[in-house]
Amino acid sequence: MAGYSGRKQAHTARLRRIEGQVRGLQRMVEDDAYCIDVLTQVSAATSALKAFSLSLLEEHLAHCVAEAARKGGPEADAKVKEASEAIARLVRS
């Protein structure tokens, strides 16, 4: 079971809002909106995706990694390594 399962509905609603932001960007470009206005909306969409990813990461740590740590052994090591790699990807982006 995924760590975010309990909030699946909230997450899908949040992703729909982000999708709406991206569609809005497409309309802005199609309508020849001012560059700075488009860039402002790109920044907002990017921030929304980053906030979503941090929320998902927090749930992963609290559920999946914590559960593996309780069990210990190689699975715990693998989950911690996996989480570290995910954090590294988020920091680079």
Protein backbone atom coordinates (compact mmCIF):
# COMPACT_ATOMS: atom_id res chain seq x y z
CA MET A 1 0.00 0.00 0.00
CA ALA A 2 1.39 3.39 -1.00
CA GLY A 3 2.15 5.89 1.74
CA TYR A 4 -0.12 8.45 0.11
CA SER A 5 -3.15 6.12 -0.14
CA GLY A 6 -4.94 7.83 2.73
CA ARG A 7 -4.76 11.17 0.91
CA LYS A 8 -5.18 9.90 -2.63
CA GLN A 9 -8.28 12.00 -3.27
CA ALA A 10 -6.58 15.18 -2.01
CA HIS A 11 -3.52 14.46 -4.12
CA THR A 12 -5.51 13.90 -7.29
CA ALA A 13 -7.42 17.15 -6.67
CA ARG A 14 -4.13 18.98 -6.21
CA LEU A 15 -2.73 17.48 -9.41
CA ARG A 16 -5.87 18.54 -11.29
CA ARG A 17 -5.30 22.12 -10.12
CA ILE A 18 -1.70 21.94 -11.32
CA GLU A 19 -2.90 20.50 -14.62
CA GLY A 20 -5.24 23.49 -14.91
CA GLN A 21 -2.29 25.82 -14.34
CA VAL A 22 -0.35 24.13 -17.14
CA ARG A 23 -3.34 24.32 -19.48
CA GLY A 24 -3.59 28.00 -18.58
CA LEU A 25 0.02 28.38 -19.66
CA GLN A 26 -0.79 26.79 -22.99
CA ARG A 27 -3.69 29.21 -23.49
CA MET A 28 -1.47 32.14 -22.57
CA VAL A 29 1.06 31.14 -25.23
CA GLU A 30 -1.68 30.54 -27.80
CA ASP A 31 -3.09 34.00 -26.99
CA ASP A 32 0.35 35.65 -27.22
CA ALA A 33 0.36 36.74 -23.58
CA TYR A 34 3.17 38.98 -22.34
CA CYS A 35 6.34 36.94 -21.68
CA ILE A 36 6.71 38.04 -18.07
CA ASP A 37 3.11 37.03 -17.33
CA VAL A 38 3.77 33.58 -18.79
CA LEU A 39 7.00 33.25 -16.80
CA THR A 40 5.16 34.24 -13.63
CA GLN A 41 2.66 31.44 -14.22
CA VAL A 42 5.46 28.97 -15.01
CA SER A 43 6.98 29.84 -11.65
CA ALA A 44 3.64 29.26 -9.92
CA ALA A 45 3.16 25.87 -11.60
CA THR A 46 6.73 24.86 -10.76
CA SER A 47 6.22 25.84 -7.12
CA ALA A 48 2.98 23.87 -6.99
CA LEU A 49 4.72 20.75 -8.34
CA LYS A 50 7.58 21.15 -5.87
CA ALA A 51 5.13 21.51 -2.98
CA PHE A 52 3.30 18.39 -4.16
CA SER A 53 6.53 16.42 -4.43
CA LEU A 54 7.63 17.47 -0.93
CA SER A 55 4.27 16.42 0.47
CA LEU A 56 4.57 13.05 -1.25
CA LEU A 57 8.14 12.64 0.00
CA GLU A 58 7.06 13.43 3.56
CA GLU A 59 4.37 10.76 3.37
CA HIS A 60 6.85 8.28 1.91
CA LEU A 61 9.25 8.89 4.78
CA ALA A 62 6.51 8.67 7.41
CA HIS A 63 4.96 5.51 6.01
CA CYS A 64 7.24 3.45 3.76
CA VAL A 65 10.65 4.32 5.18
CA ALA A 66 9.48 4.29 8.80
CA GLU A 67 7.84 0.87 8.32
CA ALA A 68 10.99 -0.53 6.72
CA ALA A 69 13.11 0.94 9.53
CA ARG A 70 10.93 -0.81 12.11
CA LYS A 71 11.52 -4.12 10.31
CA GLY A 72 15.23 -3.43 9.91
CA GLY A 73 17.64 -5.35 7.72
CA PRO A 74 18.37 -4.92 4.03
CA GLU A 75 14.87 -3.61 3.27
CA ALA A 76 15.41 -0.70 5.66
CA ASP A 77 18.77 0.08 4.09
CA ALA A 78 17.23 -0.03 0.61
CA LYS A 79 14.35 2.29 1.58
CA VAL A 80 16.70 4.83 3.16
CA LYS A 81 18.93 4.76 0.07
CA GLU A 82 15.90 5.11 -2.19
CA ALA A 83 14.63 8.10 -0.15
CA SER A 84 18.07 9.72 -0.21
CA GLU A 85 18.20 9.40 -3.99
CA ALA A 86 14.71 10.90 -4.30
CA ILE A 87 15.72 13.83 -2.11
CA ALA A 88 18.84 14.34 -4.24
CA ARG A 89 16.71 14.43 -7.40
CA LEU A 90 14.40 17.00 -5.84
CA VAL A 91 17.30 19.17 -4.71
CA ARG A 92 18.81 19.12 -8.20
CA SER A 93 15.58 20.13 -9.89
